[in-house]
Amino acid sequence: MFKSILVASGIALASFSAAAVESNQIDGLYNTGAGLASGKIDTHYSFEAISGTAVGTDGHGVTTRQTGLNSMFYAWLDNTADSKWLTPTINARQSYDPTEPGLYKWSISFDLTGLDITSAWITGRWAADNNGYIQLNGTTISSGSALDSWTSFSATAGFLSGVNTLDFFVSNVAQKVGNATGVRVEFLDSYAVAAVPEPESWALIVAGLAVVGAISRRRLG
């Protein structure tokens, strides 16, 4: 009986200790195109055309090279080692939505299982051609963006105990020619601590410590 309690409590204590020493930064938040060469698919993000002519594309954002593209990209923020623009297809010069505006969604998911969601927060910045808004689990946390400058965003609430999704909605205004669209995201910081163990876990830990103490006293006696 003592051995069973000791083993179970040891597992609970080890799990809690391991969680406590992990980094407090949230895993799964990736800057768009980070570490990828031009033309590579960024599989951290999914792409969906809500409306517009960018339908039947690769299905993912594709990192593209901004520097050296033709004049329609003169206003886009330059790609850096930290992040790059994603566009609906590998051809960043592709023109969309000649007569009606388009709405496109770029999404990334991250898991907060085992973390205290009341302690969680994220900060970042983004750019979009032409503009847009951001939702965390279906709730808008930021509106407005630009293609030639960064727009900040943050969230301190609205997180779920499990998989969370950030959706970056990009609106592309109608224009007959030279009407590319894309998105750029950089996460600046994030935080979430391990959740407090359930009462039954604490009971196992306390019971285990009591058994260890009893065994130690017996040996000393």
Protein backbone atom coordinates (compact mmCIF):
# COMPACT_ATOMS: atom_id res chain seq x y z
CA MET A 1 0.00 0.00 0.00
CA PHE A 2 2.75 2.42 0.99
CA LYS A 3 4.66 1.54 -2.17
CA SER A 4 1.64 2.32 -4.39
CA ILE A 5 1.08 5.68 -2.72
CA LEU A 6 4.76 6.52 -2.99
CA VAL A 7 4.91 5.69 -6.69
CA ALA A 8 1.74 7.65 -7.51
CA SER A 9 2.78 10.66 -5.47
CA GLY A 10 6.24 10.57 -7.01
CA ILE A 11 4.72 10.75 -10.49
CA ALA A 12 2.48 13.67 -9.46
CA LEU A 13 5.38 15.52 -7.86
CA ALA A 14 7.64 14.91 -10.85
CA SER A 15 4.98 16.14 -13.27
CA PHE A 16 4.40 19.29 -11.25
CA SER A 17 8.11 19.94 -10.89
CA ALA A 18 8.72 19.47 -14.61
CA ALA A 19 5.93 21.87 -15.47
CA ALA A 20 7.25 24.42 -13.00
CA VAL A 21 10.70 24.58 -14.59
CA GLU A 22 9.48 24.93 -18.18
CA SER A 23 9.76 28.26 -19.94
CA ASN A 24 6.88 30.62 -19.30
CA GLN A 25 6.77 31.60 -22.97
CA ILE A 26 3.89 30.10 -24.92
CA ASP A 27 4.91 27.42 -27.41
CA GLY A 28 3.48 27.35 -30.90
CA LEU A 29 3.58 31.05 -31.75
CA TYR A 30 5.62 31.48 -34.92
CA ASN A 31 6.46 34.59 -36.91
CA THR A 32 5.34 34.33 -40.51
CA GLY A 33 8.03 32.87 -42.75
CA ALA A 34 10.69 32.81 -40.03
CA GLY A 35 13.68 30.72 -41.08
CA LEU A 36 12.19 29.87 -44.47
CA ALA A 37 13.61 30.68 -47.89
CA SER A 38 11.61 32.47 -50.55
CA GLY A 39 8.92 30.30 -52.09
CA LYS A 40 8.65 27.84 -49.19
CA ILE A 41 5.28 27.04 -47.64
CA ASP A 42 4.87 28.12 -44.02
CA THR A 43 2.97 25.16 -42.56
CA HIS A 44 2.49 26.89 -39.20
CA TYR A 45 -0.24 28.96 -40.86
CA SER A 46 -3.34 27.86 -42.74
CA PHE A 47 -4.96 29.95 -45.45
CA GLU A 48 -8.64 30.34 -46.31
CA ALA A 49 -10.39 32.55 -48.86
CA ILE A 50 -13.58 33.83 -47.23
CA SER A 51 -14.39 35.75 -50.39
CA GLY A 52 -12.40 37.02 -53.35
CA THR A 53 -10.51 35.61 -56.31
CA ALA A 54 -7.59 33.99 -54.45
CA VAL A 55 -9.48 30.69 -54.58
CA GLY A 56 -7.88 27.41 -55.55
CA THR A 57 -4.45 28.50 -54.34
CA ASP A 58 -1.86 26.36 -52.60
CA GLY A 59 -3.97 26.40 -49.44
CA HIS A 60 -1.14 27.85 -47.32
CA GLY A 61 0.69 31.11 -47.10
CA VAL A 62 3.89 31.03 -49.12
CA THR A 63 6.90 33.05 -48.07
CA THR A 64 7.95 35.44 -50.78
CA ARG A 65 10.78 37.79 -51.42
CA GLN A 66 9.76 41.42 -51.08
CA THR A 67 13.04 43.08 -52.00
CA GLY A 68 13.41 43.46 -55.76
CA LEU A 69 9.77 42.91 -56.66
CA ASN A 70 8.15 45.31 -59.06
CA SER A 71 6.71 48.70 -58.15
CA MET A 72 3.44 47.42 -56.69
CA PHE A 73 5.43 46.31 -53.61
CA TYR A 74 7.28 49.54 -52.96
CA ALA A 75 5.28 50.17 -49.78
CA TRP A 76 5.53 46.71 -48.23
CA LEU A 77 7.74 46.38 -45.18
CA ASP A 78 10.97 44.64 -46.13
CA ASN A 79 11.34 40.97 -45.22
CA THR A 80 13.84 40.29 -42.43
CA ALA A 81 15.33 37.27 -40.69
CA ASP A 82 12.61 37.62 -38.04
CA SER A 83 9.62 37.40 -40.38
CA LYS A 84 8.53 37.48 -44.02
CA TRP A 85 5.38 38.24 -45.96
CA LEU A 86 3.01 35.39 -46.78
CA THR A 87 0.94 35.52 -49.98
CA PRO A 88 -1.80 33.18 -51.27
CA THR A 89 0.43 31.65 -53.96
CA ILE A 90 4.14 31.39 -54.67
CA ASN A 91 3.76 34.26 -57.14
CA ALA A 92 3.80 37.32 -54.91
CA ARG A 93 3.00 39.51 -57.93
CA GLN A 94 -0.32 37.76 -58.47
CA SER A 95 -3.16 40.29 -58.71
CA TYR A 96 -6.54 39.54 -57.13
CA ASP A 97 -10.00 41.04 -56.68
CA PRO A 98 -10.30 43.29 -59.77
CA THR A 99 -13.93 44.31 -59.19
CA GLU A 100 -14.94 43.23 -55.67
CA PRO A 101 -12.93 43.27 -52.41
CA GLY A 102 -11.59 40.00 -51.06
CA LEU A 103 -11.41 38.72 -47.49
CA TYR A 104 -8.73 36.17 -46.55
CA LYS A 105 -7.96 34.40 -43.30
CA TRP A 106 -4.51 33.29 -42.10
CA SER A 107 -4.62 31.17 -38.94
CA ILE A 108 -2.20 29.75 -36.38
CA SER A 109 -3.04 27.48 -33.42
CA PHE A 110 -1.29 26.90 -30.08
CA ASP A 111 -2.01 24.64 -27.13
CA LEU A 112 -2.33 25.84 -23.51
CA THR A 113 -3.14 22.43 -22.01
CA GLY A 114 -1.74 22.26 -18.47
CA LEU A 115 -1.22 26.03 -18.26
CA ASP A 116 -3.08 28.62 -16.21
CA ILE A 117 -5.06 30.55 -18.83
CA THR A 118 -5.74 33.40 -16.39
CA SER A 119 -2.00 34.14 -16.42
CA ALA A 120 -1.67 34.03 -20.22
CA TRP A 121 -0.94 37.00 -22.45
CA ILE A 122 0.60 37.68 -25.84
CA THR A 123 1.89 40.76 -27.63
CA GLY A 124 2.89 41.21 -31.24
CA ARG A 125 2.66 43.29 -34.36
CA TRP A 126 1.41 42.71 -37.87
CA ALA A 127 1.02 44.19 -41.32
CA ALA A 128 -1.50 43.42 -44.06
CA ASP A 129 -2.27 44.38 -47.63
CA ASN A 130 -4.59 46.19 -47.46
CA ASN A 131 -6.00 46.06 -43.93
CA GLY A 132 -7.74 43.73 -41.50
CA TYR A 133 -8.50 42.55 -37.99
CA ILE A 134 -7.43 39.78 -35.59
CA GLN A 135 -9.56 37.31 -33.64
CA LEU A 136 -8.55 35.07 -30.72
CA ASN A 137 -10.91 32.10 -30.52
CA GLY A 138 -13.56 34.04 -32.41
CA THR A 139 -13.30 37.28 -30.43
CA THR A 140 -11.80 40.36 -32.07
CA ILE A 141 -8.70 41.60 -30.22
CA SER A 142 -7.42 44.13 -32.76
CA SER A 143 -8.72 45.97 -35.78
CA GLY A 144 -6.92 47.99 -38.38
CA SER A 145 -3.63 47.32 -40.12
CA ALA A 146 -1.43 48.69 -42.89
CA LEU A 147 0.97 47.37 -45.50
CA ASP A 148 3.76 49.91 -44.97
CA SER A 149 3.97 49.98 -41.16
CA TRP A 150 3.48 47.75 -38.14
CA THR A 151 0.26 47.64 -36.12
CA SER A 152 0.49 46.35 -32.54
CA PHE A 153 -1.82 43.73 -31.06
CA SER A 154 -2.15 42.04 -27.68
CA ALA A 155 -4.40 39.75 -25.68
CA THR A 156 -4.70 39.23 -21.92
CA ALA A 157 -7.98 37.26 -21.85
CA GLY A 158 -10.09 34.98 -24.01
CA PHE A 159 -7.72 32.01 -23.88
CA LEU A 160 -8.91 28.38 -23.72
CA SER A 161 -7.60 25.43 -21.70
CA GLY A 162 -6.49 23.54 -24.76
CA VAL A 163 -6.06 24.49 -28.39
CA ASN A 164 -6.36 28.21 -29.14
CA THR A 165 -6.57 29.83 -32.58
CA LEU A 166 -5.47 33.25 -33.78
CA ASP A 167 -7.10 34.32 -37.05
CA PHE A 168 -5.65 37.17 -39.07
CA PHE A 169 -8.32 38.46 -41.43
CA VAL A 170 -6.97 40.43 -44.39
CA SER A 171 -9.20 42.62 -46.52
CA ASN A 172 -8.00 43.31 -50.05
CA VAL A 173 -9.64 46.31 -51.69
CA ALA A 174 -10.82 45.97 -55.29
CA GLN A 175 -8.38 47.12 -57.96
CA LYS A 176 -8.16 46.09 -61.60
CA VAL A 177 -4.40 45.51 -61.81
CA GLY A 178 -1.41 45.29 -59.50
CA ASN A 179 -3.61 44.16 -56.61
CA ALA A 180 -1.49 41.76 -54.56
CA THR A 181 -2.35 40.79 -50.99
CA GLY A 182 -0.44 39.32 -48.07
CA VAL A 183 0.14 39.22 -44.33
CA ARG A 184 3.10 39.57 -41.99
CA VAL A 185 3.08 38.65 -38.26
CA GLU A 186 5.68 38.94 -35.50
CA PHE A 187 5.10 37.78 -31.91
CA LEU A 188 7.06 39.99 -29.53
CA ASP A 189 6.39 38.25 -26.21
CA SER A 190 4.08 35.77 -24.51
CA TYR A 191 3.54 34.31 -21.05
CA ALA A 192 1.66 31.53 -19.27
CA VAL A 193 2.51 29.64 -16.08
CA ALA A 194 1.77 26.02 -15.22
CA ALA A 195 -1.65 25.38 -13.78
CA VAL A 196 -1.91 24.68 -10.03
CA PRO A 197 -2.20 20.90 -9.45
CA GLU A 198 -5.68 19.50 -8.82
CA PRO A 199 -6.56 18.77 -5.16
CA GLU A 200 -6.14 15.02 -5.72
CA SER A 201 -2.61 15.62 -7.03
CA TRP A 202 -1.73 17.64 -3.94
CA ALA A 203 -3.16 14.81 -1.78
CA LEU A 204 -0.89 12.31 -3.50
CA ILE A 205 2.12 14.55 -3.08
CA VAL A 206 1.42 15.09 0.63
CA ALA A 207 0.77 11.37 1.16
CA GLY A 208 4.00 10.50 -0.61
CA LEU A 209 5.99 12.92 1.51
CA ALA A 210 4.40 11.45 4.64
CA VAL A 211 5.41 7.93 3.58
CA VAL A 212 8.94 9.06 2.85
CA GLY A 213 9.10 10.67 6.29
CA ALA A 214 7.80 7.53 7.98
CA ILE A 215 10.33 5.33 6.18
CA SER A 216 13.15 7.69 7.13
CA ARG A 217 12.13 7.68 10.79
CA ARG A 218 11.91 3.87 10.80
CA ARG A 219 15.41 3.57 9.36
CA LEU A 220 16.77 6.03 11.89
CA GLY A 221 15.10 4.09 14.70
